[in-house]
Amino acid sequence: MSALQGLYRGIFRRTSTFALVFCTGGLVYAMYLDKALDTVFRNLNKGKMYEDVQAYYSQKKEE
């Protein structure tokens, strides 16, 4: 019960602090979710993206 009281007194008691924690948590969550989904996308499309085939096309263009 003491941990819940400390959480209430530290974060949920003031609306401004709660809003700040809520917004900060949302931004951090969005940042890590974006990074994770980008990694999954790159792994699924390995060899098909421009970064992977850039050297091939630049050599072909020079010839």
PDB file of N, CA and C in Angstrom:
ATOM      1  N   MET A   1       0.816  -1.190   0.000  1.00  0.00           N
ATOM      2  CA  MET A   1       0.000   0.000   0.000  1.00  0.00           C
ATOM      3  C   MET A   1       0.860   1.255   0.000  1.00  0.00           C
ATOM      4  N   SER A   2       2.031   1.178   0.580  1.00  0.00           N
ATOM      5  CA  SER A   2       2.919   2.327   0.653  1.00  0.00           C
ATOM      6  C   SER A   2       3.403   2.752  -0.734  1.00  0.00           C
ATOM      7  N   ALA A   3       3.653   1.785  -1.601  1.00  0.00           N
ATOM      8  CA  ALA A   3       4.105   2.103  -2.956  1.00  0.00           C
ATOM      9  C   ALA A   3       3.010   2.835  -3.724  1.00  0.00           C
ATOM     10  N   LEU A   4       1.776   2.424  -3.546  1.00  0.00           N
ATOM     11  CA  LEU A   4       0.672   3.089  -4.223  1.00  0.00           C
ATOM     12  C   LEU A   4       0.477   4.505  -3.705  1.00  0.00           C
ATOM     13  N   GLN A   5       0.647   4.680  -2.404  1.00  0.00           N
ATOM     14  CA  GLN A   5       0.535   6.026  -1.849  1.00  0.00           C
ATOM     15  C   GLN A   5       1.653   6.923  -2.354  1.00  0.00           C
ATOM     16  N   GLY A   6       2.847   6.392  -2.461  1.00  0.00           N
ATOM     17  CA  GLY A   6       3.973   7.163  -2.987  1.00  0.00           C
ATOM     18  C   GLY A   6       3.768   7.529  -4.453  1.00  0.00           C
ATOM     19  N   LEU A   7       3.222   6.595  -5.219  1.00  0.00           N
ATOM     20  CA  LEU A   7       2.916   6.858  -6.621  1.00  0.00           C
ATOM     21  C   LEU A   7       1.850   7.948  -6.742  1.00  0.00           C
ATOM     22  N   TYR A   8       0.842   7.848  -5.905  1.00  0.00           N
ATOM     23  CA  TYR A   8      -0.217   8.866  -5.929  1.00  0.00           C
ATOM     24  C   TYR A   8       0.330  10.231  -5.538  1.00  0.00           C
ATOM     25  N   ARG A   9       1.113  10.284  -4.479  1.00  0.00           N
ATOM     26  CA  ARG A   9       1.648  11.564  -4.022  1.00  0.00           C
ATOM     27  C   ARG A   9       2.664  12.147  -5.003  1.00  0.00           C
ATOM     28  N   GLY A  10       3.407  11.291  -5.674  1.00  0.00           N
ATOM     29  CA  GLY A  10       4.448  11.774  -6.576  1.00  0.00           C
ATOM     30  C   GLY A  10       3.951  12.160  -7.951  1.00  0.00           C
ATOM     31  N   ILE A  11       2.953  11.452  -8.469  1.00  0.00           N
ATOM     32  CA  ILE A  11       2.550  11.670  -9.859  1.00  0.00           C
ATOM     33  C   ILE A  11       1.096  12.081 -10.000  1.00  0.00           C
ATOM     34  N   PHE A  12       0.193  11.319  -9.427  1.00  0.00           N
ATOM     35  CA  PHE A  12      -1.229  11.498  -9.722  1.00  0.00           C
ATOM     36  C   PHE A  12      -1.915  12.606  -8.921  1.00  0.00           C
ATOM     37  N   ARG A  13      -1.269  13.125  -7.917  1.00  0.00           N
ATOM     38  CA  ARG A  13      -1.908  14.128  -7.080  1.00  0.00           C
ATOM     39  C   ARG A  13      -2.101  15.450  -7.816  1.00  0.00           C
ATOM     40  N   ARG A  14      -1.099  15.831  -8.589  1.00  0.00           N
ATOM     41  CA  ARG A  14      -1.180  17.087  -9.341  1.00  0.00           C
ATOM     42  C   ARG A  14      -1.483  16.773 -10.803  1.00  0.00           C
ATOM     43  N   THR A  15      -2.414  17.489 -11.349  1.00  0.00           N
ATOM     44  CA  THR A  15      -2.806  17.258 -12.737  1.00  0.00           C
ATOM     45  C   THR A  15      -1.678  17.601 -13.693  1.00  0.00           C
ATOM     46  N   SER A  16      -0.928  18.648 -13.409  1.00  0.00           N
ATOM     47  CA  SER A  16       0.160  19.049 -14.304  1.00  0.00           C
ATOM     48  C   SER A  16       1.254  17.989 -14.350  1.00  0.00           C
ATOM     49  N   THR A  17       1.592  17.402 -13.219  1.00  0.00           N
ATOM     50  CA  THR A  17       2.610  16.360 -13.174  1.00  0.00           C
ATOM     51  C   THR A  17       2.114  15.112 -13.887  1.00  0.00           C
ATOM     52  N   PHE A  18       0.868  14.765 -13.683  1.00  0.00           N
ATOM     53  CA  PHE A  18       0.288  13.602 -14.359  1.00  0.00           C
ATOM     54  C   PHE A  18       0.307  13.802 -15.869  1.00  0.00           C
ATOM     55  N   ALA A  19      -0.065  14.992 -16.332  1.00  0.00           N
ATOM     56  CA  ALA A  19      -0.075  15.277 -17.770  1.00  0.00           C
ATOM     57  C   ALA A  19       1.338  15.222 -18.341  1.00  0.00           C
ATOM     58  N   LEU A  20       2.310  15.741 -17.618  1.00  0.00           N
ATOM     59  CA  LEU A  20       3.699  15.705 -18.066  1.00  0.00           C
ATOM     60  C   LEU A  20       4.201  14.270 -18.178  1.00  0.00           C
ATOM     61  N   VAL A  21       3.928  13.454 -17.179  1.00  0.00           N
ATOM     62  CA  VAL A  21       4.341  12.047 -17.208  1.00  0.00           C
ATOM     63  C   VAL A  21       3.627  11.310 -18.335  1.00  0.00           C
ATOM     64  N   PHE A  22       2.365  11.587 -18.519  1.00  0.00           N
ATOM     65  CA  PHE A  22       1.578  10.943 -19.566  1.00  0.00           C
ATOM     66  C   PHE A  22       2.125  11.291 -20.949  1.00  0.00           C
ATOM     67  N   CYS A  23       2.380  12.566 -21.203  1.00  0.00           N
ATOM     68  CA  CYS A  23       2.895  13.003 -22.514  1.00  0.00           C
ATOM     69  C   CYS A  23       4.308  12.489 -22.759  1.00  0.00           C
ATOM     70  N   THR A  24       5.152  12.552 -21.764  1.00  0.00           N
ATOM     71  CA  THR A  24       6.516  12.048 -21.904  1.00  0.00           C
ATOM     72  C   THR A  24       6.520  10.549 -22.178  1.00  0.00           C
ATOM     73  N   GLY A  25       5.691   9.820 -21.464  1.00  0.00           N
ATOM     74  CA  GLY A  25       5.581   8.380 -21.692  1.00  0.00           C
ATOM     75  C   GLY A  25       5.076   8.063 -23.089  1.00  0.00           C
ATOM     76  N   GLY A  26       4.139   8.850 -23.560  1.00  0.00           N
ATOM     77  CA  GLY A  26       3.627   8.645 -24.913  1.00  0.00           C
ATOM     78  C   GLY A  26       4.681   8.903 -25.975  1.00  0.00           C
ATOM     79  N   LEU A  27       5.475   9.936 -25.794  1.00  0.00           N
ATOM     80  CA  LEU A  27       6.536  10.234 -26.753  1.00  0.00           C
ATOM     81  C   LEU A  27       7.621   9.156 -26.756  1.00  0.00           C
ATOM     82  N   VAL A  28       8.004   8.716 -25.579  1.00  0.00           N
ATOM     83  CA  VAL A  28       9.019   7.655 -25.488  1.00  0.00           C
ATOM     84  C   VAL A  28       8.489   6.367 -26.101  1.00  0.00           C
ATOM     85  N   TYR A  29       7.253   6.028 -25.815  1.00  0.00           N
ATOM     86  CA  TYR A  29       6.627   4.832 -26.387  1.00  0.00           C
ATOM     87  C   TYR A  29       6.584   4.916 -27.905  1.00  0.00           C
ATOM     88  N   ALA A  30       6.187   6.054 -28.444  1.00  0.00           N
ATOM     89  CA  ALA A  30       6.107   6.220 -29.900  1.00  0.00           C
ATOM     90  C   ALA A  30       7.480   6.122 -30.540  1.00  0.00           C
ATOM     91  N   MET A  31       8.492   6.671 -29.887  1.00  0.00           N
ATOM     92  CA  MET A  31       9.841   6.630 -30.434  1.00  0.00           C
ATOM     93  C   MET A  31      10.350   5.185 -30.520  1.00  0.00           C
ATOM     94  N   TYR A  32      10.181   4.426 -29.444  1.00  0.00           N
ATOM     95  CA  TYR A  32      10.662   3.044 -29.450  1.00  0.00           C
ATOM     96  C   TYR A  32       9.818   2.139 -30.347  1.00  0.00           C
ATOM     97  N   LEU A  33       8.535   2.392 -30.431  1.00  0.00           N
ATOM     98  CA  LEU A  33       7.684   1.607 -31.329  1.00  0.00           C
ATOM     99  C   LEU A  33       8.066   1.860 -32.778  1.00  0.00           C
ATOM    100  N   ASP A  34       8.336   3.116 -33.121  1.00  0.00           N
ATOM    101  CA  ASP A  34       8.752   3.457 -34.478  1.00  0.00           C
ATOM    102  C   ASP A  34      10.073   2.782 -34.822  1.00  0.00           C
ATOM    103  N   LYS A  35      11.008   2.808 -33.892  1.00  0.00           N
ATOM    104  CA  LYS A  35      12.305   2.178 -34.125  1.00  0.00           C
ATOM    105  C   LYS A  35      12.159   0.662 -34.294  1.00  0.00           C
ATOM    106  N   ALA A  36      11.333   0.036 -33.478  1.00  0.00           N
ATOM    107  CA  ALA A  36      11.138  -1.413 -33.564  1.00  0.00           C
ATOM    108  C   ALA A  36      10.461  -1.811 -34.866  1.00  0.00           C
ATOM    109  N   LEU A  37       9.430  -1.077 -35.260  1.00  0.00           N
ATOM    110  CA  LEU A  37       8.737  -1.398 -36.508  1.00  0.00           C
ATOM    111  C   LEU A  37       9.603  -1.122 -37.728  1.00  0.00           C
ATOM    112  N   ASP A  38      10.449  -0.105 -37.663  1.00  0.00           N
ATOM    113  CA  ASP A  38      11.374   0.168 -38.749  1.00  0.00           C
ATOM    114  C   ASP A  38      12.386  -0.972 -38.893  1.00  0.00           C
ATOM    115  N   THR A  39      12.850  -1.507 -37.779  1.00  0.00           N
ATOM    116  CA  THR A  39      13.774  -2.636 -37.817  1.00  0.00           C
ATOM    117  C   THR A  39      13.104  -3.866 -38.413  1.00  0.00           C
ATOM    118  N   VAL A  40      11.870  -4.129 -38.030  1.00  0.00           N
ATOM    119  CA  VAL A  40      11.139  -5.263 -38.590  1.00  0.00           C
ATOM    120  C   VAL A  40      10.953  -5.077 -40.092  1.00  0.00           C
ATOM    121  N   PHE A  41      10.586  -3.877 -40.530  1.00  0.00           N
ATOM    122  CA  PHE A  41      10.386  -3.595 -41.946  1.00  0.00           C
ATOM    123  C   PHE A  41      11.676  -3.805 -42.732  1.00  0.00           C
ATOM    124  N   ARG A  42      12.790  -3.313 -42.192  1.00  0.00           N
ATOM    125  CA  ARG A  42      14.070  -3.473 -42.889  1.00  0.00           C
ATOM    126  C   ARG A  42      14.479  -4.940 -42.970  1.00  0.00           C
ATOM    127  N   ASN A  43      14.208  -5.724 -41.924  1.00  0.00           N
ATOM    128  CA  ASN A  43      14.550  -7.147 -41.966  1.00  0.00           C
ATOM    129  C   ASN A  43      13.682  -7.905 -42.962  1.00  0.00           C
ATOM    130  N   LEU A  44      12.421  -7.555 -43.069  1.00  0.00           N
ATOM    131  CA  LEU A  44      11.537  -8.234 -44.013  1.00  0.00           C
ATOM    132  C   LEU A  44      11.863  -7.874 -45.460  1.00  0.00           C
ATOM    133  N   ASN A  45      12.387  -6.675 -45.697  1.00  0.00           N
ATOM    134  CA  ASN A  45      12.660  -6.208 -47.053  1.00  0.00           C
ATOM    135  C   ASN A  45      14.152  -6.126 -47.358  1.00  0.00           C
ATOM    136  N   LYS A  46      14.947  -6.932 -46.681  1.00  0.00           N
ATOM    137  CA  LYS A  46      16.390  -6.919 -46.895  1.00  0.00           C
ATOM    138  C   LYS A  46      16.689  -7.337 -48.332  1.00  0.00           C
ATOM    139  N   GLY A  47      17.525  -6.574 -49.005  1.00  0.00           N
ATOM    140  CA  GLY A  47      17.890  -6.849 -50.385  1.00  0.00           C
ATOM    141  C   GLY A  47      16.992  -6.179 -51.399  1.00  0.00           C
ATOM    142  N   LYS A  48      15.906  -5.586 -50.970  1.00  0.00           N
ATOM    143  CA  LYS A  48      14.966  -4.939 -51.877  1.00  0.00           C
ATOM    144  C   LYS A  48      15.003  -3.416 -51.762  1.00  0.00           C
ATOM    145  N   MET A  49      15.662  -2.915 -50.746  1.00  0.00           N
ATOM    146  CA  MET A  49      15.662  -1.481 -50.509  1.00  0.00           C
ATOM    147  C   MET A  49      16.822  -0.810 -51.241  1.00  0.00           C
ATOM    148  N   TYR A  50      16.703   0.483 -51.489  1.00  0.00           N
ATOM    149  CA  TYR A  50      17.702   1.215 -52.255  1.00  0.00           C
ATOM    150  C   TYR A  50      19.073   1.165 -51.578  1.00  0.00           C
ATOM    151  N   GLU A  51      19.102   1.231 -50.265  1.00  0.00           N
ATOM    152  CA  GLU A  51      20.379   1.185 -49.561  1.00  0.00           C
ATOM    153  C   GLU A  51      21.121  -0.112 -49.847  1.00  0.00           C
ATOM    154  N   ASP A  52      20.386  -1.193 -50.079  1.00  0.00           N
ATOM    155  CA  ASP A  52      20.998  -2.492 -50.328  1.00  0.00           C
ATOM    156  C   ASP A  52      21.498  -2.629 -51.760  1.00  0.00           C
ATOM    157  N   VAL A  53      20.855  -1.997 -52.708  1.00  0.00           N
ATOM    158  CA  VAL A  53      21.200  -2.158 -54.120  1.00  0.00           C
ATOM    159  C   VAL A  53      21.839  -0.906 -54.711  1.00  0.00           C
ATOM    160  N   GLN A  54      22.160   0.057 -53.912  1.00  0.00           N
ATOM    161  CA  GLN A  54      22.715   1.316 -54.383  1.00  0.00           C
ATOM    162  C   GLN A  54      24.041   1.103 -55.109  1.00  0.00           C
ATOM    163  N   ALA A  55      24.920   0.277 -54.579  1.00  0.00           N
ATOM    164  CA  ALA A  55      26.220   0.038 -55.208  1.00  0.00           C
ATOM    165  C   ALA A  55      26.039  -0.606 -56.582  1.00  0.00           C
ATOM    166  N   TYR A  56      25.101  -1.507 -56.712  1.00  0.00           N
ATOM    167  CA  TYR A  56      24.849  -2.185 -57.987  1.00  0.00           C
ATOM    168  C   TYR A  56      24.429  -1.188 -59.059  1.00  0.00           C
ATOM    169  N   TYR A  57      23.525  -0.302 -58.732  1.00  0.00           N
ATOM    170  CA  TYR A  57      23.030   0.654 -59.724  1.00  0.00           C
ATOM    171  C   TYR A  57      24.043   1.758 -60.015  1.00  0.00           C
ATOM    172  N   SER A  58      24.863   2.141 -59.063  1.00  0.00           N
ATOM    173  CA  SER A  58      25.870   3.159 -59.335  1.00  0.00           C
ATOM    174  C   SER A  58      26.968   2.597 -60.236  1.00  0.00           C
ATOM    175  N   GLN A  59      27.315   1.314 -60.106  1.00  0.00           N
ATOM    176  CA  GLN A  59      28.293   0.685 -61.005  1.00  0.00           C
ATOM    177  C   GLN A  59      27.713   0.549 -62.396  1.00  0.00           C
ATOM    178  N   LYS A  60      26.448   0.192 -62.494  1.00  0.00           N
ATOM    179  CA  LYS A  60      25.794   0.020 -63.774  1.00  0.00           C
ATOM    180  C   LYS A  60      25.701   1.357 -64.516  1.00  0.00           C
ATOM    181  N   LYS A  61      25.508   2.428 -63.794  1.00  0.00           N
ATOM    182  CA  LYS A  61      25.380   3.746 -64.391  1.00  0.00           C
ATOM    183  C   LYS A  61      26.723   4.216 -64.956  1.00  0.00           C
ATOM    184  N   GLU A  62      27.826   3.891 -64.296  1.00  0.00           N
ATOM    185  CA  GLU A  62      29.147   4.303 -64.742  1.00  0.00           C
ATOM    186  C   GLU A  62      29.565   3.585 -66.013  1.00  0.00           C
ATOM    187  N   GLU A  63      29.090   2.403 -66.231  1.00  0.00           N
ATOM    188  CA  GLU A  63      29.484   1.617 -67.411  1.00  0.00           C
ATOM    189  C   GLU A  63      28.819   2.143 -68.594  1.00  0.00           C
TER     190      GLU A  63
END
